[in-house]
Amino acid sequence: MYALVDCNNFYVSCERVFDPRLEGRPVVVLSNNDGCLISRSDEAKALGLKMGEPWHLVRPLLEQQQVRVFSSNYGLYGDMSRRVVQVLAGFAAGIEVYSIDEAFLDFHGMNLLAPDLHAYGAEVRARVQQHTGIPTCVGIAPTKTLAKLANRQARKEGGSGVVLLDTPARWQAALAAAPVDSIWGVGRRYARKLFDLNVTTGAELAALPEAWLRRHLGGVVGQRLWRELHGQPCLEWNPAPADDDDQGHEDDPSGRRHSVAYTRSFGRPQHEAAALAEAVATFAAKAAAKLRQHERVAHLVTVLLGTSRFTPGAEPSTRTAVIHLPFASSDTVHITQAALQGLAQLRRAGVAYHRAGIVLSGLERPGQAQLGLFKAAPEMARPERTQLMAALDGLNSRFGRQLVRTAAAGVPTRAHGHPQPDAWAGRAAMRSPLYTTGWDELWQVG
């Protein structure tokens, strides 16, 4: 059996942990650069606020209904996620962190320890709430796909927060009540195909022949989905950590990571070469750190540079440059050099850019690089470089993100003893303090 533990309205819940006055009030959290709504309390959802709505369009309603608005604070959310995972790790032999607010627990072989899995799920919820202040829902089932379905049921209003689908009758009833496009692994393209065939529920999907799903829903992917819906575990167990700002992989239940990306919009348009280079170098360093976190190396570095799509007569809003690395790497220096090379190809003098990003792809495990027959290992592939990157990650993990950085990423500035945002940094005027990770912003109790 598997359990999926999902944190309720996670970003909002993190804000409420440190400000209990927010309980019962409508609260929303905005995306990077204060762009759109990415987390809503139940009270905000009741007002009709939708996921992804642009802030500037719903701002009058937010002010009218006295909705509390926060800029995203991924440093806080990532640390709270780590604390939740620490609690969950004590309840199962295996844990797979699926996203910043979700984790699978492996309950196989726990019959003696937890003969009543429903009660055990309730204990998981209570312990997480007690130790972190974060409310959760728990779905338990024999496969990860059915556990995802059980978790969706557990989140419904008025429920106990725990749903156990341990018999065919129970998961068939749950599938009958689930729209087919809500089934994990059925993306928008497959959902349209199924709706055209009048397949509208999960039960109707499961009733189709296994061979039909294999033929029409992605070959072995469709076959795995059919078996998962019939209680046969097929998805691999992937204990790799998730990113702090990972939003999940709704359409890719396999858990395989095909790329690592770090993209951001600027707080104001940037046209100076130095500012753009600092931004791209910073993004490259963060993407490289993600890559090492997932124990992968990359062959390709893609640099994105974007202008405002609303500027009349402007060039294409987003342009890209792809740099092929001579060997797969996760070295921050090597990736930064490639990223700056891509930036030089893209940047046009006098053009104001609104966003930039780095995508690392062509991923493989370290130690599998294909080198030339008569070539020695490049300097960047030597063991000393791996040790250097481990030391870099260790320092930044212990003392603060980007505390140790490449010179290309710029020198952090301080005013009146407090760190100042970079010139290209996104807007975050309503960000709460870094209560748990920033020495200058520790939670104070009066």
Protein backbone atom coordinates (compact mmCIF):
# COMPACT_ATOMS: atom_id res chain seq x y z
CA MET A 1 0.00 0.00 0.00
CA TYR A 2 1.03 3.58 -0.69
CA ALA A 3 -0.02 6.80 1.00
CA LEU A 4 0.03 10.23 -0.61
CA VAL A 5 0.30 13.04 1.93
CA ASP A 6 -0.62 16.44 0.52
CA CYS A 7 -0.31 19.73 2.41
CA ASN A 8 -3.52 21.78 2.21
CA ASN A 9 -3.13 25.13 0.43
CA PHE A 10 0.53 24.81 1.34
CA TYR A 11 1.89 28.32 0.75
CA VAL A 12 -1.07 29.88 2.56
CA SER A 13 -0.70 27.37 5.39
CA CYS A 14 2.97 28.32 5.79
CA GLU A 15 1.98 31.97 6.18
CA ARG A 16 -0.66 31.07 8.75
CA VAL A 17 1.80 29.12 10.89
CA PHE A 18 3.59 32.37 11.75
CA ASP A 19 0.51 34.60 11.84
CA PRO A 20 -2.45 32.80 13.44
CA ARG A 21 -4.60 35.91 12.86
CA LEU A 22 -4.89 34.73 9.25
CA GLU A 23 -6.96 31.70 10.25
CA GLY A 24 -10.49 31.99 8.88
CA ARG A 25 -9.56 34.93 6.65
CA PRO A 26 -9.25 34.79 2.85
CA VAL A 27 -5.55 34.64 1.95
CA VAL A 28 -3.74 34.33 -1.39
CA VAL A 29 -0.08 33.97 -2.36
CA LEU A 30 1.25 35.39 -5.63
CA SER A 31 3.71 33.90 -8.09
CA ASN A 32 7.19 35.23 -8.76
CA ASN A 33 7.23 38.94 -9.52
CA ASP A 34 3.73 39.24 -8.01
CA GLY A 35 2.19 38.04 -11.23
CA CYS A 36 -0.75 35.74 -10.51
CA LEU A 37 -2.46 33.70 -7.80
CA ILE A 38 -0.73 30.39 -7.05
CA SER A 39 -2.14 29.50 -3.63
CA ARG A 40 -5.57 30.28 -2.15
CA SER A 41 -7.13 29.58 1.19
CA ASP A 42 -10.52 27.87 1.22
CA GLU A 43 -12.08 31.23 2.10
CA ALA A 44 -10.46 32.80 -0.98
CA LYS A 45 -11.68 29.94 -3.17
CA ALA A 46 -15.21 30.55 -1.86
CA LEU A 47 -14.99 34.10 -3.22
CA GLY A 48 -14.54 32.67 -6.73
CA LEU A 49 -10.82 33.40 -7.02
CA LYS A 50 -9.21 31.05 -9.53
CA MET A 51 -5.77 29.51 -9.68
CA GLY A 52 -3.50 31.47 -12.04
CA GLU A 53 -5.64 34.62 -12.20
CA PRO A 54 -3.49 37.74 -12.81
CA TRP A 55 -3.18 39.82 -9.68
CA HIS A 56 -3.75 43.14 -11.45
CA LEU A 57 -7.11 41.90 -12.76
CA VAL A 58 -8.48 40.63 -9.43
CA ARG A 59 -6.89 43.30 -7.26
CA PRO A 60 -10.14 45.33 -6.91
CA LEU A 61 -11.98 42.22 -5.67
CA LEU A 62 -9.16 41.37 -3.28
CA GLU A 63 -9.28 44.86 -1.79
CA GLN A 64 -13.07 44.88 -1.61
CA GLN A 65 -13.18 41.51 0.20
CA GLN A 66 -10.17 42.39 2.40
CA VAL A 67 -8.18 39.42 1.14
CA ARG A 68 -4.68 39.24 2.62
CA VAL A 69 -2.10 39.05 -0.18
CA PHE A 70 1.47 37.73 0.10
CA SER A 71 4.35 37.65 -2.36
CA SER A 72 5.85 34.18 -2.76
CA ASN A 73 8.47 33.29 -0.15
CA TYR A 74 10.10 30.10 -1.43
CA GLY A 75 12.85 30.17 1.18
CA LEU A 76 10.24 29.81 3.92
CA TYR A 77 8.10 27.32 1.98
CA GLY A 78 11.08 25.11 1.15
CA ASP A 79 12.17 24.96 4.78
CA MET A 80 8.65 24.18 5.98
CA SER A 81 8.45 21.44 3.36
CA ARG A 82 11.68 19.96 4.70
CA ARG A 83 10.20 19.92 8.22
CA VAL A 84 7.05 18.15 7.02
CA VAL A 85 9.19 15.51 5.27
CA GLN A 86 11.20 14.97 8.44
CA VAL A 87 7.99 14.14 10.31
CA LEU A 88 6.69 11.87 7.53
CA ALA A 89 9.96 9.94 7.39
CA GLY A 90 9.18 8.49 10.81
CA PHE A 91 6.01 6.78 9.57
CA ALA A 92 7.30 4.61 6.72
CA ALA A 93 10.38 2.77 5.56
CA GLY A 94 10.37 4.66 2.27
CA ILE A 95 9.41 8.19 1.29
CA GLU A 96 9.27 9.80 -2.15
CA VAL A 97 9.09 13.60 -2.14
CA TYR A 98 6.96 14.27 -5.18
CA SER A 99 6.75 18.06 -4.95
CA ILE A 100 7.18 20.82 -2.40
CA ASP A 101 3.80 19.99 -0.83
CA GLU A 102 3.34 16.27 -1.61
CA ALA A 103 5.09 13.04 -0.64
CA PHE A 104 4.41 9.34 -1.14
CA LEU A 105 4.92 6.93 1.75
CA ASP A 106 5.58 3.23 1.19
CA PHE A 107 3.35 1.24 3.56
CA HIS A 108 4.31 -2.20 2.24
CA GLY A 109 5.02 -4.74 4.97
CA MET A 110 3.50 -2.59 7.72
CA ASN A 111 0.55 -4.88 8.55
CA LEU A 112 1.79 -5.61 12.09
CA LEU A 113 2.84 -2.05 12.87
CA ALA A 114 -0.30 -0.48 11.42
CA PRO A 115 -3.16 -3.01 11.13
CA ASP A 116 -5.67 -0.14 10.77
CA LEU A 117 -4.30 2.01 7.95
CA HIS A 118 -7.12 4.55 8.18
CA ALA A 119 -6.27 5.23 11.83
CA TYR A 120 -2.57 5.30 10.92
CA GLY A 121 -3.26 7.94 8.26
CA ALA A 122 -5.12 10.01 10.86
CA GLU A 123 -2.08 9.73 13.13
CA VAL A 124 0.15 10.97 10.30
CA ARG A 125 -2.07 14.04 9.87
CA ALA A 126 -2.14 14.76 13.59
CA ARG A 127 1.64 14.45 13.98
CA VAL A 128 2.41 16.76 11.04
CA GLN A 129 -0.09 19.31 12.36
CA GLN A 130 1.42 19.14 15.86
CA HIS A 131 5.06 19.42 14.81
CA THR A 132 4.81 21.89 11.91
CA GLY A 133 1.37 23.52 12.07
CA ILE A 134 0.66 22.43 8.47
CA PRO A 135 -2.73 20.75 7.76
CA THR A 136 -2.63 17.76 5.42
CA CYS A 137 -4.80 15.16 3.71
CA VAL A 138 -3.86 11.50 3.29
CA GLY A 139 -4.91 9.09 0.56
CA ILE A 140 -4.02 5.41 0.91
CA ALA A 141 -4.32 2.78 -1.83
CA PRO A 142 -2.44 -0.17 -3.39
CA THR A 143 -0.94 1.95 -6.23
CA LYS A 144 0.39 5.48 -6.50
CA THR A 145 -2.29 6.43 -9.06
CA LEU A 146 -5.08 5.22 -6.78
CA ALA A 147 -3.40 6.91 -3.78
CA LYS A 148 -3.53 10.16 -5.75
CA LEU A 149 -7.24 9.55 -6.35
CA ALA A 150 -7.80 8.79 -2.66
CA ASN A 151 -6.01 12.00 -1.72
CA ARG A 152 -8.29 14.03 -3.98
CA GLN A 153 -11.27 12.51 -2.20
CA ALA A 154 -9.72 13.25 1.19
CA ARG A 155 -9.46 16.93 0.28
CA LYS A 156 -13.18 17.28 -0.32
CA GLU A 157 -15.01 19.55 2.11
CA GLY A 158 -16.54 17.81 5.09
CA GLY A 159 -14.31 14.74 4.93
CA SER A 160 -12.07 13.33 7.63
CA GLY A 161 -8.93 14.16 5.69
CA VAL A 162 -8.08 10.46 5.27
CA VAL A 163 -9.41 8.12 2.55
CA LEU A 164 -8.49 4.44 2.32
CA LEU A 165 -9.11 2.59 -0.95
CA ASP A 166 -8.05 -0.90 0.04
CA THR A 167 -10.60 -3.02 -1.86
CA PRO A 168 -11.66 -3.16 -5.52
CA ALA A 169 -15.18 -2.07 -4.54
CA ARG A 170 -13.87 1.06 -2.83
CA TRP A 171 -11.55 2.19 -5.61
CA GLN A 172 -14.14 1.41 -8.28
CA ALA A 173 -16.63 3.66 -6.45
CA ALA A 174 -13.98 6.38 -6.24
CA LEU A 175 -13.19 6.02 -9.95
CA ALA A 176 -16.88 6.27 -10.83
CA ALA A 177 -17.07 9.63 -9.03
CA ALA A 178 -13.86 11.00 -10.59
CA PRO A 179 -13.87 12.90 -13.91
CA VAL A 180 -11.50 11.23 -16.33
CA ASP A 181 -9.38 14.38 -16.67
CA SER A 182 -8.70 14.29 -12.91
CA ILE A 183 -6.99 10.89 -13.11
CA TRP A 184 -3.25 11.17 -12.56
CA GLY A 185 -1.47 10.61 -15.86
CA VAL A 186 -4.36 11.70 -18.09
CA GLY A 187 -3.17 14.99 -19.54
CA ARG A 188 -5.20 17.47 -21.52
CA ARG A 189 -4.46 15.84 -24.88
CA TYR A 190 -5.56 12.38 -23.73
CA ALA A 191 -8.56 13.87 -21.90
CA ARG A 192 -9.83 15.45 -25.13
CA LYS A 193 -9.48 12.13 -26.93
CA LEU A 194 -11.37 10.30 -24.17
CA PHE A 195 -14.15 12.90 -23.99
CA ASP A 196 -14.61 12.57 -27.76
CA LEU A 197 -15.15 8.83 -27.20
CA ASN A 198 -17.66 9.57 -24.39
CA VAL A 199 -15.30 8.25 -21.72
CA THR A 200 -15.99 10.73 -18.94
CA THR A 201 -15.12 9.00 -15.64
CA GLY A 202 -12.20 7.09 -14.20
CA ALA A 203 -14.36 3.96 -13.97
CA GLU A 204 -15.17 4.12 -17.69
CA LEU A 205 -11.47 4.52 -18.42
CA ALA A 206 -10.59 1.50 -16.26
CA ALA A 207 -13.31 -0.55 -17.99
CA LEU A 208 -11.60 -0.17 -21.39
CA PRO A 209 -9.41 -3.09 -22.53
CA GLU A 210 -5.77 -2.93 -21.51
CA ALA A 211 -4.72 -3.30 -25.14
CA TRP A 212 -6.82 -0.23 -26.09
CA LEU A 213 -5.00 1.98 -23.58
CA ARG A 214 -1.67 0.68 -24.78
CA ARG A 215 -2.58 1.48 -28.39
CA HIS A 216 -4.19 4.89 -27.89
CA LEU A 217 -2.70 6.37 -24.70
CA GLY A 218 1.03 6.32 -25.23
CA GLY A 219 1.99 2.66 -25.48
CA VAL A 220 3.51 1.34 -22.28
CA VAL A 221 2.43 4.52 -20.48
CA GLY A 222 -1.21 3.70 -21.14
CA GLN A 223 -0.68 0.08 -20.16
CA ARG A 224 0.88 1.13 -16.85
CA LEU A 225 -2.05 3.47 -16.22
CA TRP A 226 -4.57 0.64 -16.80
CA ARG A 227 -2.76 -1.66 -14.41
CA GLU A 228 -2.42 1.05 -11.75
CA LEU A 229 -6.19 1.65 -11.95
CA HIS A 230 -6.69 -2.08 -11.35
CA GLY A 231 -4.54 -2.16 -8.22
CA GLN A 232 -1.30 -3.39 -9.81
CA PRO A 233 1.68 -1.15 -8.88
CA CYS A 234 3.67 -0.22 -12.00
CA LEU A 235 5.21 3.19 -11.34
CA GLU A 236 8.78 3.17 -10.15
CA TRP A 237 9.78 4.40 -6.70
CA ASN A 238 11.83 7.57 -6.96
CA PRO A 239 13.20 8.80 -3.62
CA ALA A 240 15.02 11.78 -5.20
CA PRO A 241 14.31 15.10 -3.44
CA ALA A 242 12.01 17.67 -5.00
CA ASP A 243 12.94 21.29 -5.64
CA ASP A 244 11.95 23.91 -3.12
CA ASP A 245 9.82 25.64 -5.74
CA ASP A 246 8.73 22.51 -7.53
CA GLN A 247 5.07 22.65 -8.50
CA GLY A 248 4.72 18.95 -9.17
CA HIS A 249 4.53 16.87 -12.34
CA GLU A 250 0.84 16.25 -12.84
CA ASP A 251 1.23 14.84 -16.33
CA ASP A 252 4.39 12.82 -15.64
CA PRO A 253 3.71 10.30 -12.88
CA SER A 254 6.81 8.33 -13.77
CA GLY A 255 8.87 10.68 -11.60
CA ARG A 256 11.63 10.85 -14.20
CA ARG A 257 13.22 14.27 -14.54
CA HIS A 258 13.98 15.24 -18.12
CA SER A 259 15.25 18.77 -17.49
CA VAL A 260 16.02 21.30 -14.77
CA ALA A 261 14.94 24.90 -15.21
CA TYR A 262 15.24 28.21 -13.42
CA THR A 263 13.37 31.11 -15.03
CA ARG A 264 12.28 34.43 -13.58
CA SER A 265 10.71 37.72 -14.62
CA PHE A 266 12.54 40.90 -13.69
CA GLY A 267 11.04 43.47 -11.35
CA ARG A 268 11.65 46.10 -14.03
CA PRO A 269 12.93 45.87 -17.63
CA GLN A 270 16.68 45.39 -17.99
CA HIS A 271 18.85 46.49 -20.91
CA GLU A 272 22.30 46.84 -19.35
CA ALA A 273 24.66 44.00 -20.28
CA ALA A 274 26.12 43.79 -16.77
CA ALA A 275 22.74 43.41 -15.04
CA LEU A 276 21.60 40.76 -17.52
CA ALA A 277 24.86 38.85 -17.12
CA GLU A 278 24.49 38.85 -13.31
CA ALA A 279 20.92 37.59 -13.60
CA VAL A 280 21.78 34.81 -16.05
CA ALA A 281 24.82 33.76 -14.00
CA THR A 282 22.67 33.63 -10.86
CA PHE A 283 20.02 31.54 -12.61
CA ALA A 284 22.71 29.23 -14.01
CA ALA A 285 24.15 28.68 -10.52
CA LYS A 286 20.74 27.87 -9.07
CA ALA A 287 19.92 25.49 -11.92
CA ALA A 288 23.29 23.76 -11.48
CA ALA A 289 22.63 23.37 -7.74
CA LYS A 290 19.26 21.79 -8.56
CA LEU A 291 21.01 19.45 -10.96
CA ARG A 292 23.43 18.28 -8.28
CA GLN A 293 20.55 17.90 -5.83
CA HIS A 294 18.94 15.43 -8.23
CA GLU A 295 22.29 13.69 -8.88
CA ARG A 296 22.29 14.43 -12.58
CA VAL A 297 24.59 16.03 -15.14
CA ALA A 298 23.47 17.86 -18.28
CA HIS A 299 24.62 17.96 -21.90
CA LEU A 300 22.66 21.03 -23.03
CA VAL A 301 22.34 24.54 -21.62
CA THR A 302 19.44 26.55 -23.03
CA VAL A 303 19.35 30.29 -22.32
CA LEU A 304 16.03 32.14 -22.57
CA LEU A 305 15.74 35.91 -22.90
CA GLY A 306 12.33 37.54 -23.20
CA THR A 307 10.88 40.95 -23.97
CA SER A 308 7.37 42.09 -23.15
CA ARG A 309 4.90 40.33 -25.41
CA PHE A 310 2.73 43.45 -25.30
CA THR A 311 5.31 45.83 -26.81
CA PRO A 312 4.09 46.93 -30.29
CA GLY A 313 6.40 45.92 -33.11
CA ALA A 314 8.85 44.16 -30.83
CA GLU A 315 10.91 41.12 -31.81
CA PRO A 316 9.64 37.69 -30.74
CA SER A 317 8.86 37.85 -27.02
CA THR A 318 11.17 34.95 -26.11
CA ARG A 319 14.38 33.94 -27.87
CA THR A 320 16.59 31.00 -26.99
CA ALA A 321 20.16 29.88 -27.53
CA VAL A 322 21.29 26.28 -27.02
CA ILE A 323 24.87 25.57 -25.97
CA HIS A 324 26.17 21.99 -26.28
CA LEU A 325 28.58 21.18 -23.50
CA PRO A 326 31.71 19.25 -24.55
CA PHE A 327 30.86 16.72 -21.79
CA ALA A 328 27.95 16.33 -19.39
CA SER A 329 28.41 18.45 -16.29
CA SER A 330 26.74 19.86 -13.17
CA ASP A 331 29.65 22.19 -12.38
CA THR A 332 28.41 25.72 -11.64
CA VAL A 333 31.43 27.37 -13.29
CA HIS A 334 31.14 25.31 -16.46
CA ILE A 335 27.39 25.85 -16.77
CA THR A 336 27.72 29.58 -16.02
CA GLN A 337 30.32 29.96 -18.78
CA ALA A 338 27.98 28.27 -21.26
CA ALA A 339 25.04 30.40 -20.09
CA LEU A 340 26.96 33.64 -20.57
CA GLN A 341 27.98 32.45 -24.03
CA GLY A 342 24.29 31.94 -24.86
CA LEU A 343 23.42 35.37 -23.45
CA ALA A 344 26.01 37.00 -25.71
CA GLN A 345 24.32 35.38 -28.72
CA LEU A 346 20.85 36.58 -27.70
CA ARG A 347 21.27 40.07 -26.29
CA ARG A 348 20.59 43.03 -28.58
CA ALA A 349 21.89 46.47 -27.62
CA GLY A 350 19.17 48.88 -26.56
CA VAL A 351 16.50 46.19 -26.13
CA ALA A 352 14.77 46.05 -22.74
CA TYR A 353 14.32 42.50 -21.48
CA HIS A 354 11.63 41.45 -19.02
CA ARG A 355 12.67 37.89 -18.16
CA ALA A 356 15.45 35.34 -18.49
CA GLY A 357 15.98 31.72 -17.70
CA ILE A 358 18.17 28.63 -17.86
CA VAL A 359 17.09 25.11 -18.87
CA LEU A 360 19.48 22.19 -18.42
CA SER A 361 18.61 19.09 -20.43
CA GLY A 362 20.09 15.94 -21.87
CA LEU A 363 20.36 14.59 -18.33
CA GLU A 364 22.21 11.49 -17.22
CA ARG A 365 23.72 10.14 -14.03
CA PRO A 366 27.20 11.34 -13.04
CA GLY A 367 30.10 9.10 -13.97
CA GLN A 368 28.59 8.01 -17.29
CA ALA A 369 30.07 10.73 -19.49
CA GLN A 370 31.31 9.63 -22.91
CA LEU A 371 34.83 10.99 -23.44
CA GLY A 372 37.00 10.86 -26.54
CA LEU A 373 39.11 7.72 -26.98
CA PHE A 374 42.42 9.63 -26.93
CA LYS A 375 41.39 12.55 -24.71
CA ALA A 376 42.05 12.94 -21.02
CA ALA A 377 39.21 13.94 -18.70
CA PRO A 378 38.67 17.71 -18.91
CA GLU A 379 39.58 19.79 -15.87
CA MET A 380 35.92 20.35 -15.02
CA ALA A 381 35.33 16.58 -14.83
CA ARG A 382 38.07 15.86 -12.29
CA PRO A 383 37.21 14.63 -8.78
CA GLU A 384 38.49 17.88 -7.23
CA ARG A 385 35.74 19.79 -9.05
CA THR A 386 33.09 17.49 -7.59
CA GLN A 387 34.52 18.12 -4.12
CA LEU A 388 34.50 21.87 -4.77
CA MET A 389 30.84 21.83 -5.80
CA ALA A 390 29.96 19.76 -2.71
CA ALA A 391 31.70 22.35 -0.52
CA LEU A 392 29.85 25.15 -2.33
CA ASP A 393 26.48 23.47 -1.77
CA GLY A 394 27.32 22.77 1.85
CA LEU A 395 28.20 26.39 2.60
CA ASN A 396 25.11 27.76 0.87
CA SER A 397 22.89 25.22 2.59
CA ARG A 398 24.29 26.07 6.00
CA PHE A 399 24.68 29.84 5.79
CA GLY A 400 22.16 30.95 3.15
CA ARG A 401 21.42 30.59 -0.53
CA GLN A 402 23.89 32.19 -2.90
CA LEU A 403 26.09 33.34 -0.03
CA VAL A 404 29.03 31.84 -1.92
CA ARG A 405 28.69 32.58 -5.60
CA THR A 406 30.69 33.07 -8.77
CA ALA A 407 31.97 36.57 -9.47
CA ALA A 408 29.80 36.66 -12.60
CA ALA A 409 26.69 36.57 -10.40
CA GLY A 410 27.65 39.87 -8.77
CA VAL A 411 28.51 40.92 -5.25
CA PRO A 412 25.61 41.13 -2.77
CA THR A 413 25.06 44.55 -1.25
CA ARG A 414 23.81 45.57 2.19
CA ALA A 415 22.28 48.78 3.52
CA HIS A 416 21.77 49.54 7.20
CA GLY A 417 22.90 46.00 7.96
CA HIS A 418 20.29 44.33 5.74
CA PRO A 419 20.82 42.56 2.38
CA GLN A 420 19.51 44.46 -0.62
CA PRO A 421 17.79 42.87 -3.63
CA ASP A 422 19.62 42.73 -6.94
CA ALA A 423 18.75 45.36 -9.52
CA TRP A 424 17.01 42.75 -11.68
CA ALA A 425 15.19 41.00 -8.81
CA GLY A 426 11.45 40.46 -9.20
CA ARG A 427 8.86 42.39 -7.27
CA ALA A 428 8.06 40.95 -3.85
CA ALA A 429 6.69 43.93 -1.96
CA MET A 430 4.39 41.76 0.15
CA ARG A 431 6.80 38.97 1.07
CA SER A 432 6.69 37.73 4.63
CA PRO A 433 10.00 37.39 6.50
CA LEU A 434 12.26 34.36 6.16
CA TYR A 435 11.26 33.30 9.66
CA THR A 436 13.30 30.08 9.71
CA THR A 437 16.21 30.60 7.31
CA GLY A 438 17.33 34.25 7.44
CA TRP A 439 19.34 35.51 10.42
CA ASP A 440 18.11 39.04 9.76
CA GLU A 441 14.46 37.95 9.66
CA LEU A 442 14.08 35.42 12.49
CA TRP A 443 10.65 35.19 14.05
CA GLN A 444 10.34 37.43 17.07
CA VAL A 445 7.84 36.85 19.86
CA GLY A 446 6.91 40.02 21.72
